[in-house]
Amino acid sequence: MRYFLIFAVIFLILGLILAIYLPAYLEKKQKLRDGSLGCFEYQEMLQMSKESFQLNSTGSKWKREGMAAAGLLKKHGCTPQE
């Protein structure tokens, strides 16, 4: 019973440490990814897709560019843009 309490306290402390530091760490890593060249390419491709849609919403160019942007988003782990 005594060992159980010791382990419970240790796991509680580790959980608290993770709850405090993990979100900040993950946010920092996401900001680094969002500042990468791959995410810049994603944003440019998404913008091109939006502009192509404005010019010709019935065409297929904007769809191809949108699919390319989606591929870059997934490949580089960027934050999705609207």
N, C-alpha and C. Protein backbone atom coordinates (compact mmCIF):
# COMPACT_ATOMS: atom_id res chain seq x y z
N MET A 1 0.82 -1.20 0.00
CA MET A 1 0.00 0.00 0.00
C MET A 1 0.87 1.26 0.00
N ARG A 2 1.96 1.19 0.74
CA ARG A 2 2.86 2.34 0.83
C ARG A 2 3.49 2.64 -0.53
N TYR A 3 3.91 1.59 -1.26
CA TYR A 3 4.50 1.79 -2.59
C TYR A 3 3.49 2.36 -3.56
N PHE A 4 2.25 1.95 -3.43
CA PHE A 4 1.20 2.47 -4.31
C PHE A 4 1.05 3.98 -4.13
N LEU A 5 1.07 4.43 -2.90
CA LEU A 5 0.95 5.87 -2.64
C LEU A 5 2.15 6.63 -3.17
N ILE A 6 3.34 6.06 -3.03
CA ILE A 6 4.55 6.70 -3.55
C ILE A 6 4.47 6.82 -5.06
N PHE A 7 4.06 5.73 -5.73
CA PHE A 7 3.92 5.77 -7.19
C PHE A 7 2.82 6.73 -7.61
N ALA A 8 1.73 6.79 -6.88
CA ALA A 8 0.63 7.70 -7.20
C ALA A 8 1.10 9.15 -7.12
N VAL A 9 1.86 9.47 -6.09
CA VAL A 9 2.37 10.84 -5.94
C VAL A 9 3.35 11.17 -7.06
N ILE A 10 4.21 10.23 -7.40
CA ILE A 10 5.18 10.46 -8.48
C ILE A 10 4.45 10.68 -9.80
N PHE A 11 3.46 9.85 -10.10
CA PHE A 11 2.72 10.02 -11.35
C PHE A 11 1.92 11.31 -11.35
N LEU A 12 1.40 11.71 -10.22
CA LEU A 12 0.69 12.98 -10.13
C LEU A 12 1.62 14.15 -10.42
N ILE A 13 2.79 14.11 -9.83
CA ILE A 13 3.77 15.18 -10.06
C ILE A 13 4.19 15.21 -11.53
N LEU A 14 4.48 14.04 -12.10
CA LEU A 14 4.85 13.99 -13.52
C LEU A 14 3.71 14.50 -14.41
N GLY A 15 2.49 14.15 -14.08
CA GLY A 15 1.34 14.63 -14.84
C GLY A 15 1.21 16.14 -14.79
N LEU A 16 1.41 16.70 -13.62
CA LEU A 16 1.35 18.16 -13.49
C LEU A 16 2.45 18.84 -14.29
N ILE A 17 3.64 18.29 -14.23
CA ILE A 17 4.76 18.86 -14.99
C ILE A 17 4.45 18.82 -16.48
N LEU A 18 3.94 17.68 -16.96
CA LEU A 18 3.59 17.57 -18.37
C LEU A 18 2.47 18.53 -18.74
N ALA A 19 1.47 18.68 -17.88
CA ALA A 19 0.36 19.57 -18.17
C ALA A 19 0.80 21.02 -18.25
N ILE A 20 1.84 21.36 -17.53
CA ILE A 20 2.32 22.75 -17.53
C ILE A 20 3.25 23.02 -18.72
N TYR A 21 4.20 22.11 -18.97
CA TYR A 21 5.24 22.39 -19.96
C TYR A 21 4.96 21.86 -21.36
N LEU A 22 4.19 20.82 -21.50
CA LEU A 22 3.95 20.23 -22.82
C LEU A 22 3.23 21.17 -23.79
N PRO A 23 2.15 21.86 -23.39
CA PRO A 23 1.49 22.75 -24.35
C PRO A 23 2.41 23.86 -24.87
N ALA A 24 3.22 24.44 -24.01
CA ALA A 24 4.14 25.49 -24.45
C ALA A 24 5.17 24.93 -25.42
N TYR A 25 5.67 23.75 -25.13
CA TYR A 25 6.64 23.09 -26.01
C TYR A 25 6.03 22.81 -27.38
N LEU A 26 4.82 22.26 -27.39
CA LEU A 26 4.17 21.95 -28.66
C LEU A 26 3.84 23.21 -29.47
N GLU A 27 3.45 24.26 -28.78
CA GLU A 27 3.17 25.53 -29.46
C GLU A 27 4.43 26.11 -30.09
N LYS A 28 5.53 26.01 -29.39
CA LYS A 28 6.81 26.50 -29.91
C LYS A 28 7.21 25.72 -31.16
N LYS A 29 7.05 24.38 -31.12
CA LYS A 29 7.38 23.55 -32.28
C LYS A 29 6.48 23.90 -33.47
N GLN A 30 5.19 24.18 -33.22
CA GLN A 30 4.28 24.54 -34.30
C GLN A 30 4.66 25.87 -34.93
N LYS A 31 5.07 26.82 -34.12
CA LYS A 31 5.51 28.12 -34.65
C LYS A 31 6.74 27.95 -35.53
N LEU A 32 7.65 27.06 -35.13
CA LEU A 32 8.83 26.80 -35.96
C LEU A 32 8.41 26.19 -37.30
N ARG A 33 7.47 25.24 -37.27
CA ARG A 33 7.00 24.64 -38.52
C ARG A 33 6.30 25.69 -39.39
N ASP A 34 5.47 26.54 -38.78
CA ASP A 34 4.75 27.56 -39.54
C ASP A 34 5.68 28.58 -40.18
N GLY A 35 6.86 28.75 -39.63
CA GLY A 35 7.83 29.68 -40.19
C GLY A 35 8.75 29.04 -41.23
N SER A 36 8.54 27.78 -41.53
CA SER A 36 9.41 27.08 -42.47
C SER A 36 9.09 27.42 -43.92
N LEU A 37 10.02 27.10 -44.80
CA LEU A 37 9.83 27.33 -46.23
C LEU A 37 8.65 26.53 -46.75
N GLY A 38 8.46 25.31 -46.29
CA GLY A 38 7.34 24.48 -46.74
C GLY A 38 6.00 25.11 -46.41
N CYS A 39 5.87 25.70 -45.23
CA CYS A 39 4.61 26.34 -44.86
C CYS A 39 4.42 27.65 -45.63
N PHE A 40 5.51 28.32 -45.93
CA PHE A 40 5.41 29.51 -46.78
C PHE A 40 4.90 29.12 -48.16
N GLU A 41 5.40 28.01 -48.72
CA GLU A 41 4.93 27.52 -50.01
C GLU A 41 3.45 27.16 -49.94
N TYR A 42 3.03 26.55 -48.83
CA TYR A 42 1.62 26.21 -48.65
C TYR A 42 0.76 27.47 -48.70
N GLN A 43 1.16 28.51 -47.97
CA GLN A 43 0.38 29.75 -47.94
C GLN A 43 0.31 30.39 -49.32
N GLU A 44 1.42 30.37 -50.05
CA GLU A 44 1.43 30.93 -51.40
C GLU A 44 0.51 30.14 -52.33
N MET A 45 0.56 28.81 -52.26
CA MET A 45 -0.28 27.98 -53.12
C MET A 45 -1.75 28.18 -52.77
N LEU A 46 -2.07 28.30 -51.51
CA LEU A 46 -3.45 28.53 -51.09
C LEU A 46 -3.93 29.88 -51.62
N GLN A 47 -3.09 30.89 -51.56
CA GLN A 47 -3.45 32.21 -52.07
C GLN A 47 -3.67 32.15 -53.59
N MET A 48 -2.81 31.43 -54.29
CA MET A 48 -2.98 31.28 -55.74
C MET A 48 -4.30 30.59 -56.05
N SER A 49 -4.66 29.59 -55.27
CA SER A 49 -5.92 28.88 -55.47
C SER A 49 -7.10 29.81 -55.27
N LYS A 50 -7.05 30.64 -54.25
CA LYS A 50 -8.14 31.60 -54.00
C LYS A 50 -8.26 32.60 -55.14
N GLU A 51 -7.11 33.08 -55.63
CA GLU A 51 -7.13 34.04 -56.73
C GLU A 51 -7.67 33.39 -58.01
N SER A 52 -7.28 32.15 -58.28
CA SER A 52 -7.78 31.45 -59.46
C SER A 52 -9.28 31.22 -59.36
N PHE A 53 -9.77 30.95 -58.17
CA PHE A 53 -11.20 30.76 -57.96
C PHE A 53 -11.94 32.06 -58.24
N GLN A 54 -11.37 33.18 -57.81
CA GLN A 54 -12.00 34.48 -58.06
C GLN A 54 -12.09 34.77 -59.55
N LEU A 55 -11.05 34.40 -60.29
CA LEU A 55 -11.04 34.65 -61.73
C LEU A 55 -11.95 33.72 -62.51
N ASN A 56 -12.00 32.44 -62.12
CA ASN A 56 -12.80 31.46 -62.85
C ASN A 56 -13.22 30.34 -61.90
N SER A 57 -14.39 30.52 -61.30
CA SER A 57 -14.85 29.54 -60.31
C SER A 57 -15.31 28.23 -60.94
N THR A 58 -15.52 28.21 -62.24
CA THR A 58 -15.96 26.96 -62.90
C THR A 58 -14.78 26.18 -63.47
N GLY A 59 -13.61 26.77 -63.45
CA GLY A 59 -12.42 26.10 -63.99
C GLY A 59 -11.86 25.07 -63.03
N SER A 60 -10.82 24.39 -63.49
CA SER A 60 -10.22 23.35 -62.65
C SER A 60 -8.85 23.76 -62.09
N LYS A 61 -8.34 24.92 -62.54
CA LYS A 61 -7.02 25.34 -62.06
C LYS A 61 -7.02 25.56 -60.55
N TRP A 62 -8.04 26.21 -60.04
CA TRP A 62 -8.09 26.48 -58.61
C TRP A 62 -8.21 25.19 -57.81
N LYS A 63 -8.85 24.17 -58.38
CA LYS A 63 -8.97 22.89 -57.69
C LYS A 63 -7.60 22.19 -57.60
N ARG A 64 -6.85 22.24 -58.70
CA ARG A 64 -5.51 21.64 -58.69
C ARG A 64 -4.60 22.36 -57.68
N GLU A 65 -4.68 23.68 -57.69
CA GLU A 65 -3.85 24.45 -56.75
C GLU A 65 -4.29 24.19 -55.31
N GLY A 66 -5.59 24.04 -55.09
CA GLY A 66 -6.09 23.73 -53.75
C GLY A 66 -5.62 22.37 -53.28
N MET A 67 -5.60 21.39 -54.20
CA MET A 67 -5.12 20.06 -53.85
C MET A 67 -3.62 20.10 -53.54
N ALA A 68 -2.89 20.89 -54.30
CA ALA A 68 -1.45 21.03 -54.05
C ALA A 68 -1.22 21.70 -52.69
N ALA A 69 -2.03 22.71 -52.36
CA ALA A 69 -1.91 23.37 -51.07
C ALA A 69 -2.21 22.40 -49.93
N ALA A 70 -3.23 21.57 -50.12
CA ALA A 70 -3.58 20.58 -49.10
C ALA A 70 -2.44 19.58 -48.90
N GLY A 71 -1.78 19.20 -49.97
CA GLY A 71 -0.65 18.29 -49.87
C GLY A 71 0.51 18.92 -49.11
N LEU A 72 0.77 20.19 -49.38
CA LEU A 72 1.84 20.90 -48.65
C LEU A 72 1.48 21.06 -47.18
N LEU A 73 0.21 21.33 -46.91
CA LEU A 73 -0.24 21.46 -45.53
C LEU A 73 0.03 20.17 -44.75
N LYS A 74 -0.33 19.06 -45.35
CA LYS A 74 -0.15 17.77 -44.68
C LYS A 74 1.35 17.42 -44.57
N LYS A 75 2.09 17.64 -45.64
CA LYS A 75 3.50 17.27 -45.66
C LYS A 75 4.32 18.01 -44.62
N HIS A 76 4.04 19.30 -44.48
CA HIS A 76 4.87 20.14 -43.61
C HIS A 76 4.27 20.39 -42.24
N GLY A 77 3.03 19.94 -42.00
CA GLY A 77 2.41 20.10 -40.68
C GLY A 77 2.10 21.53 -40.32
N CYS A 78 1.69 22.31 -41.30
CA CYS A 78 1.41 23.73 -41.07
C CYS A 78 0.06 23.92 -40.37
N THR A 79 -0.14 25.11 -39.82
CA THR A 79 -1.45 25.47 -39.29
C THR A 79 -2.33 25.84 -40.47
N PRO A 80 -3.52 25.25 -40.58
CA PRO A 80 -4.40 25.56 -41.72
C PRO A 80 -4.80 27.01 -41.74
N GLN A 81 -4.85 27.58 -42.92
CA GLN A 81 -5.26 28.98 -43.12
C GLN A 81 -6.63 28.99 -43.77
N GLU A 82 -7.36 30.05 -43.56
CA GLU A 82 -8.68 30.20 -44.20
C GLU A 82 -8.59 31.19 -45.32
